Amino acid sequence: MQNKELNKFNKIIADKTTIISNLSNQYDHSSTPEELMWCAIQMQNHVNALRVIAERLGTDTKNIYGSDYHE
């Protein structure tokens, strides 16, 4: 994996965090239980995707730059 691909992961992470932030603001301004539930579900979906992407970035970064820690 090249730095270009690492940058792609970083961009995806930035995009996901922006989406989660916007959903959080929308959640704060929701007035019905349905809107609250929709926002919560959307946030959960994006947080799960963010977790997976961050784990992949961590693994790929370790593979590129190495690590002194041996699992």
PDB file of N, CA and C in Angstrom:
ATOM      1  N   MET A   1       0.844  -1.174   0.000  1.00  0.00           N
ATOM      2  CA  MET A   1       0.000   0.000   0.000  1.00  0.00           C
ATOM      3  C   MET A   1       0.888   1.236   0.000  1.00  0.00           C
ATOM      4  N   GLN A   2       0.521   2.208  -0.749  1.00  0.00           N
ATOM      5  CA  GLN A   2       1.302   3.437  -0.881  1.00  0.00           C
ATOM      6  C   GLN A   2       0.697   4.533  -0.008  1.00  0.00           C
ATOM      7  N   ASN A   3       1.461   5.610   0.142  1.00  0.00           N
ATOM      8  CA  ASN A   3       0.964   6.763   0.895  1.00  0.00           C
ATOM      9  C   ASN A   3      -0.324   7.308   0.296  1.00  0.00           C
ATOM     10  N   LYS A   4      -0.467   7.186  -1.025  1.00  0.00           N
ATOM     11  CA  LYS A   4      -1.686   7.654  -1.695  1.00  0.00           C
ATOM     12  C   LYS A   4      -2.908   6.925  -1.137  1.00  0.00           C
ATOM     13  N   GLU A   5      -2.766   5.634  -0.911  1.00  0.00           N
ATOM     14  CA  GLU A   5      -3.875   4.852  -0.369  1.00  0.00           C
ATOM     15  C   GLU A   5      -4.121   5.209   1.097  1.00  0.00           C
ATOM     16  N   LEU A   6      -3.059   5.480   1.851  1.00  0.00           N
ATOM     17  CA  LEU A   6      -3.231   5.922   3.239  1.00  0.00           C
ATOM     18  C   LEU A   6      -3.975   7.255   3.277  1.00  0.00           C
ATOM     19  N   ASN A   7      -3.631   8.139   2.351  1.00  0.00           N
ATOM     20  CA  ASN A   7      -4.325   9.424   2.275  1.00  0.00           C
ATOM     21  C   ASN A   7      -5.803   9.228   1.956  1.00  0.00           C
ATOM     22  N   LYS A   8      -6.111   8.230   1.130  1.00  0.00           N
ATOM     23  CA  LYS A   8      -7.501   7.924   0.811  1.00  0.00           C
ATOM     24  C   LYS A   8      -8.256   7.512   2.074  1.00  0.00           C
ATOM     25  N   PHE A   9      -7.625   6.662   2.896  1.00  0.00           N
ATOM     26  CA  PHE A   9      -8.258   6.259   4.147  1.00  0.00           C
ATOM     27  C   PHE A   9      -8.463   7.464   5.069  1.00  0.00           C
ATOM     28  N   ASN A  10      -7.455   8.334   5.143  1.00  0.00           N
ATOM     29  CA  ASN A  10      -7.583   9.530   5.983  1.00  0.00           C
ATOM     30  C   ASN A  10      -8.732  10.415   5.520  1.00  0.00           C
ATOM     31  N   LYS A  11      -8.908  10.535   4.204  1.00  0.00           N
ATOM     32  CA  LYS A  11     -10.009  11.339   3.671  1.00  0.00           C
ATOM     33  C   LYS A  11     -11.350  10.710   4.021  1.00  0.00           C
ATOM     34  N   ILE A  12     -11.457   9.395   3.916  1.00  0.00           N
ATOM     35  CA  ILE A  12     -12.700   8.707   4.265  1.00  0.00           C
ATOM     36  C   ILE A  12     -13.019   8.918   5.739  1.00  0.00           C
ATOM     37  N   ILE A  13     -11.997   8.831   6.590  1.00  0.00           N
ATOM     38  CA  ILE A  13     -12.195   9.041   8.024  1.00  0.00           C
ATOM     39  C   ILE A  13     -12.686  10.464   8.290  1.00  0.00           C
ATOM     40  N   ALA A  14     -12.084  11.433   7.633  1.00  0.00           N
ATOM     41  CA  ALA A  14     -12.515  12.824   7.805  1.00  0.00           C
ATOM     42  C   ALA A  14     -13.956  13.006   7.348  1.00  0.00           C
ATOM     43  N   ASP A  15     -14.309  12.402   6.224  1.00  0.00           N
ATOM     44  CA  ASP A  15     -15.679  12.503   5.717  1.00  0.00           C
ATOM     45  C   ASP A  15     -16.678  11.872   6.691  1.00  0.00           C
ATOM     46  N   LYS A  16     -16.336  10.692   7.205  1.00  0.00           N
ATOM     47  CA  LYS A  16     -17.239  10.004   8.139  1.00  0.00           C
ATOM     48  C   LYS A  16     -17.432  10.810   9.420  1.00  0.00           C
ATOM     49  N   THR A  17     -16.348  11.398   9.932  1.00  0.00           N
ATOM     50  CA  THR A  17     -16.490  12.179  11.162  1.00  0.00           C
ATOM     51  C   THR A  17     -17.340  13.420  10.935  1.00  0.00           C
ATOM     52  N   THR A  18     -17.240  14.014   9.749  1.00  0.00           N
ATOM     53  CA  THR A  18     -18.088  15.161   9.419  1.00  0.00           C
ATOM     54  C   THR A  18     -19.546  14.740   9.358  1.00  0.00           C
ATOM     55  N   ILE A  19     -19.821  13.607   8.742  1.00  0.00           N
ATOM     56  CA  ILE A  19     -21.198  13.095   8.653  1.00  0.00           C
ATOM     57  C   ILE A  19     -21.744  12.824  10.045  1.00  0.00           C
ATOM     58  N   ILE A  20     -20.942  12.185  10.900  1.00  0.00           N
ATOM     59  CA  ILE A  20     -21.388  11.870  12.258  1.00  0.00           C
ATOM     60  C   ILE A  20     -21.662  13.154  13.035  1.00  0.00           C
ATOM     61  N   SER A  21     -20.811  14.142  12.872  1.00  0.00           N
ATOM     62  CA  SER A  21     -21.018  15.429  13.541  1.00  0.00           C
ATOM     63  C   SER A  21     -22.318  16.081  13.080  1.00  0.00           C
ATOM     64  N   ASN A  22     -22.561  16.070  11.781  1.00  0.00           N
ATOM     65  CA  ASN A  22     -23.804  16.646  11.252  1.00  0.00           C
ATOM     66  C   ASN A  22     -25.031  15.893  11.764  1.00  0.00           C
ATOM     67  N   LEU A  23     -24.939  14.573  11.824  1.00  0.00           N
ATOM     68  CA  LEU A  23     -26.055  13.783  12.353  1.00  0.00           C
ATOM     69  C   LEU A  23     -26.275  14.065  13.837  1.00  0.00           C
ATOM     70  N   SER A  24     -25.199  14.270  14.566  1.00  0.00           N
ATOM     71  CA  SER A  24     -25.319  14.606  15.986  1.00  0.00           C
ATOM     72  C   SER A  24     -26.053  15.929  16.173  1.00  0.00           C
ATOM     73  N   ASN A  25     -25.705  16.911  15.355  1.00  0.00           N
ATOM     74  CA  ASN A  25     -26.411  18.195  15.420  1.00  0.00           C
ATOM     75  C   ASN A  25     -27.876  18.040  15.044  1.00  0.00           C
ATOM     76  N   GLN A  26     -28.131  17.219  14.040  1.00  0.00           N
ATOM     77  CA  GLN A  26     -29.507  16.972  13.619  1.00  0.00           C
ATOM     78  C   GLN A  26     -30.274  16.270  14.734  1.00  0.00           C
ATOM     79  N   TYR A  27     -29.612  15.339  15.420  1.00  0.00           N
ATOM     80  CA  TYR A  27     -30.230  14.618  16.536  1.00  0.00           C
ATOM     81  C   TYR A  27     -30.636  15.607  17.630  1.00  0.00           C
ATOM     82  N   ASP A  28     -29.745  16.562  17.923  1.00  0.00           N
ATOM     83  CA  ASP A  28     -30.037  17.560  18.959  1.00  0.00           C
ATOM     84  C   ASP A  28     -31.254  18.410  18.629  1.00  0.00           C
ATOM     85  N   HIS A  29     -31.521  18.583  17.350  1.00  0.00           N
ATOM     86  CA  HIS A  29     -32.635  19.430  16.939  1.00  0.00           C
ATOM     87  C   HIS A  29     -33.877  18.637  16.514  1.00  0.00           C
ATOM     88  N   SER A  30     -33.830  17.327  16.655  1.00  0.00           N
ATOM     89  CA  SER A  30     -34.982  16.501  16.279  1.00  0.00           C
ATOM     90  C   SER A  30     -36.101  16.681  17.297  1.00  0.00           C
ATOM     91  N   SER A  31     -37.309  16.604  16.792  1.00  0.00           N
ATOM     92  CA  SER A  31     -38.444  16.853  17.683  1.00  0.00           C
ATOM     93  C   SER A  31     -39.354  15.644  17.865  1.00  0.00           C
ATOM     94  N   THR A  32     -39.221  14.644  17.010  1.00  0.00           N
ATOM     95  CA  THR A  32     -40.095  13.475  17.145  1.00  0.00           C
ATOM     96  C   THR A  32     -39.260  12.234  17.450  1.00  0.00           C
ATOM     97  N   PRO A  33     -39.880  11.239  18.073  1.00  0.00           N
ATOM     98  CA  PRO A  33     -39.151   9.997  18.337  1.00  0.00           C
ATOM     99  C   PRO A  33     -38.636   9.332  17.060  1.00  0.00           C
ATOM    100  N   GLU A  34     -39.393   9.464  15.975  1.00  0.00           N
ATOM    101  CA  GLU A  34     -38.971   8.870  14.710  1.00  0.00           C
ATOM    102  C   GLU A  34     -37.695   9.526  14.189  1.00  0.00           C
ATOM    103  N   GLU A  35     -37.637  10.845  14.279  1.00  0.00           N
ATOM    104  CA  GLU A  35     -36.427  11.549  13.848  1.00  0.00           C
ATOM    105  C   GLU A  35     -35.231  11.183  14.722  1.00  0.00           C
ATOM    106  N   LEU A  36     -35.463  11.095  16.027  1.00  0.00           N
ATOM    107  CA  LEU A  36     -34.397  10.704  16.943  1.00  0.00           C
ATOM    108  C   LEU A  36     -33.877   9.309  16.611  1.00  0.00           C
ATOM    109  N   MET A  37     -34.788   8.375  16.365  1.00  0.00           N
ATOM    110  CA  MET A  37     -34.392   7.002  16.055  1.00  0.00           C
ATOM    111  C   MET A  37     -33.641   6.943  14.733  1.00  0.00           C
ATOM    112  N   TRP A  38     -34.121   7.678  13.722  1.00  0.00           N
ATOM    113  CA  TRP A  38     -33.456   7.682  12.429  1.00  0.00           C
ATOM    114  C   TRP A  38     -32.027   8.198  12.570  1.00  0.00           C
ATOM    115  N   CYS A  39     -31.864   9.311  13.283  1.00  0.00           N
ATOM    116  CA  CYS A  39     -30.525   9.879  13.477  1.00  0.00           C
ATOM    117  C   CYS A  39     -29.627   8.916  14.241  1.00  0.00           C
ATOM    118  N   ALA A  40     -30.161   8.297  15.275  1.00  0.00           N
ATOM    119  CA  ALA A  40     -29.361   7.361  16.076  1.00  0.00           C
ATOM    120  C   ALA A  40     -28.898   6.177  15.227  1.00  0.00           C
ATOM    121  N   ILE A  41     -29.782   5.653  14.411  1.00  0.00           N
ATOM    122  CA  ILE A  41     -29.427   4.510  13.552  1.00  0.00           C
ATOM    123  C   ILE A  41     -28.377   4.928  12.526  1.00  0.00           C
ATOM    124  N   GLN A  42     -28.561   6.098  11.927  1.00  0.00           N
ATOM    125  CA  GLN A  42     -27.583   6.581  10.942  1.00  0.00           C
ATOM    126  C   GLN A  42     -26.217   6.805  11.587  1.00  0.00           C
ATOM    127  N   MET A  43     -26.222   7.399  12.788  1.00  0.00           N
ATOM    128  CA  MET A  43     -24.952   7.607  13.484  1.00  0.00           C
ATOM    129  C   MET A  43     -24.279   6.278  13.792  1.00  0.00           C
ATOM    130  N   GLN A  44     -25.060   5.314  14.248  1.00  0.00           N
ATOM    131  CA  GLN A  44     -24.492   4.002  14.565  1.00  0.00           C
ATOM    132  C   GLN A  44     -23.879   3.358  13.324  1.00  0.00           C
ATOM    133  N   ASN A  45     -24.553   3.439  12.198  1.00  0.00           N
ATOM    134  CA  ASN A  45     -24.030   2.872  10.956  1.00  0.00           C
ATOM    135  C   ASN A  45     -22.711   3.535  10.553  1.00  0.00           C
ATOM    136  N   HIS A  46     -22.671   4.856  10.628  1.00  0.00           N
ATOM    137  CA  HIS A  46     -21.453   5.569  10.238  1.00  0.00           C
ATOM    138  C   HIS A  46     -20.323   5.341  11.237  1.00  0.00           C
ATOM    139  N   VAL A  47     -20.648   5.222  12.513  1.00  0.00           N
ATOM    140  CA  VAL A  47     -19.617   4.943  13.517  1.00  0.00           C
ATOM    141  C   VAL A  47     -19.024   3.559  13.287  1.00  0.00           C
ATOM    142  N   ASN A  48     -19.849   2.592  12.977  1.00  0.00           N
ATOM    143  CA  ASN A  48     -19.339   1.240  12.689  1.00  0.00           C
ATOM    144  C   ASN A  48     -18.418   1.260  11.461  1.00  0.00           C
ATOM    145  N   ALA A  49     -18.828   1.970  10.427  1.00  0.00           N
ATOM    146  CA  ALA A  49     -17.987   2.079   9.223  1.00  0.00           C
ATOM    147  C   ALA A  49     -16.682   2.798   9.552  1.00  0.00           C
ATOM    148  N   LEU A  50     -16.751   3.837  10.373  1.00  0.00           N
ATOM    149  CA  LEU A  50     -15.554   4.573  10.788  1.00  0.00           C
ATOM    150  C   LEU A  50     -14.595   3.669  11.558  1.00  0.00           C
ATOM    151  N   ARG A  51     -15.128   2.853  12.438  1.00  0.00           N
ATOM    152  CA  ARG A  51     -14.296   1.931  13.217  1.00  0.00           C
ATOM    153  C   ARG A  51     -13.549   0.969  12.301  1.00  0.00           C
ATOM    154  N   VAL A  52     -14.249   0.405  11.330  1.00  0.00           N
ATOM    155  CA  VAL A  52     -13.634  -0.536  10.398  1.00  0.00           C
ATOM    156  C   VAL A  52     -12.539   0.147   9.578  1.00  0.00           C
ATOM    157  N   ILE A  53     -12.825   1.344   9.085  1.00  0.00           N
ATOM    158  CA  ILE A  53     -11.852   2.076   8.275  1.00  0.00           C
ATOM    159  C   ILE A  53     -10.629   2.443   9.115  1.00  0.00           C
ATOM    160  N   ALA A  54     -10.853   2.885  10.350  1.00  0.00           N
ATOM    161  CA  ALA A  54      -9.735   3.253  11.223  1.00  0.00           C
ATOM    162  C   ALA A  54      -8.863   2.039  11.552  1.00  0.00           C
ATOM    163  N   GLU A  55      -9.497   0.890  11.772  1.00  0.00           N
ATOM    164  CA  GLU A  55      -8.727  -0.331  12.023  1.00  0.00           C
ATOM    165  C   GLU A  55      -7.893  -0.705  10.801  1.00  0.00           C
ATOM    166  N   ARG A  56      -8.489  -0.574   9.630  1.00  0.00           N
ATOM    167  CA  ARG A  56      -7.760  -0.878   8.395  1.00  0.00           C
ATOM    168  C   ARG A  56      -6.592   0.075   8.196  1.00  0.00           C
ATOM    169  N   LEU A  57      -6.819   1.361   8.462  1.00  0.00           N
ATOM    170  CA  LEU A  57      -5.749   2.348   8.348  1.00  0.00           C
ATOM    171  C   LEU A  57      -4.617   2.022   9.317  1.00  0.00           C
ATOM    172  N   GLY A  58      -4.966   1.660  10.545  1.00  0.00           N
ATOM    173  CA  GLY A  58      -3.945   1.308  11.524  1.00  0.00           C
ATOM    174  C   GLY A  58      -3.127   0.107  11.103  1.00  0.00           C
ATOM    175  N   THR A  59      -3.791  -0.908  10.594  1.00  0.00           N
ATOM    176  CA  THR A  59      -3.100  -2.114  10.144  1.00  0.00           C
ATOM    177  C   THR A  59      -2.196  -1.815   8.959  1.00  0.00           C
ATOM    178  N   ASP A  60      -2.722  -1.088   7.988  1.00  0.00           N
ATOM    179  CA  ASP A  60      -1.933  -0.784   6.799  1.00  0.00           C
ATOM    180  C   ASP A  60      -0.776   0.148   7.115  1.00  0.00           C
ATOM    181  N   THR A  61      -0.983   1.090   8.024  1.00  0.00           N
ATOM    182  CA  THR A  61       0.105   1.979   8.430  1.00  0.00           C
ATOM    183  C   THR A  61       1.204   1.184   9.111  1.00  0.00           C
ATOM    184  N   LYS A  62       0.816   0.262   9.974  1.00  0.00           N
ATOM    185  CA  LYS A  62       1.802  -0.579  10.662  1.00  0.00           C
ATOM    186  C   LYS A  62       2.570  -1.419   9.653  1.00  0.00           C
ATOM    187  N   ASN A  63       1.883  -1.929   8.651  1.00  0.00           N
ATOM    188  CA  ASN A  63       2.544  -2.746   7.636  1.00  0.00           C
ATOM    189  C   ASN A  63       3.534  -1.934   6.804  1.00  0.00           C
ATOM    190  N   ILE A  64       3.236  -0.670   6.561  1.00  0.00           N
ATOM    191  CA  ILE A  64       4.119   0.174   5.761  1.00  0.00           C
ATOM    192  C   ILE A  64       5.322   0.640   6.576  1.00  0.00           C
ATOM    193  N   TYR A  65       5.040   1.170   7.767  1.00  0.00           N
ATOM    194  CA  TYR A  65       6.107   1.796   8.545  1.00  0.00           C
ATOM    195  C   TYR A  65       6.713   0.873   9.582  1.00  0.00           C
ATOM    196  N   GLY A  66       6.103  -0.273   9.795  1.00  0.00           N
ATOM    197  CA  GLY A  66       6.643  -1.225  10.752  1.00  0.00           C
ATOM    198  C   GLY A  66       6.230  -0.894  12.167  1.00  0.00           C
ATOM    199  N   SER A  67       6.538  -1.815  13.047  1.00  0.00           N
ATOM    200  CA  SER A  67       6.195  -1.651  14.448  1.00  0.00           C
ATOM    201  C   SER A  67       7.162  -2.444  15.288  1.00  0.00           C
ATOM    202  N   ASP A  68       7.506  -1.908  16.436  1.00  0.00           N
ATOM    203  CA  ASP A  68       8.359  -2.642  17.380  1.00  0.00           C
ATOM    204  C   ASP A  68       7.549  -3.625  18.201  1.00  0.00           C
ATOM    205  N   TYR A  69       6.236  -3.436  18.200  1.00  0.00           N
ATOM    206  CA  TYR A  69       5.354  -4.313  18.976  1.00  0.00           C
ATOM    207  C   TYR A  69       5.031  -5.547  18.155  1.00  0.00           C
ATOM    208  N   HIS A  70       5.206  -6.715  18.717  1.00  0.00           N
ATOM    209  CA  HIS A  70       4.903  -7.966  18.022  1.00  0.00           C
ATOM    210  C   HIS A  70       3.687  -8.601  18.662  1.00  0.00           C
ATOM    211  N   GLU A  71       2.685  -8.839  17.840  1.00  0.00           N
ATOM    212  CA  GLU A  71       1.436  -9.405  18.360  1.00  0.00           C
ATOM    213  C   GLU A  71       1.546 -10.870  18.587  1.00  0.00           C
TER     214      GLU A  71
END
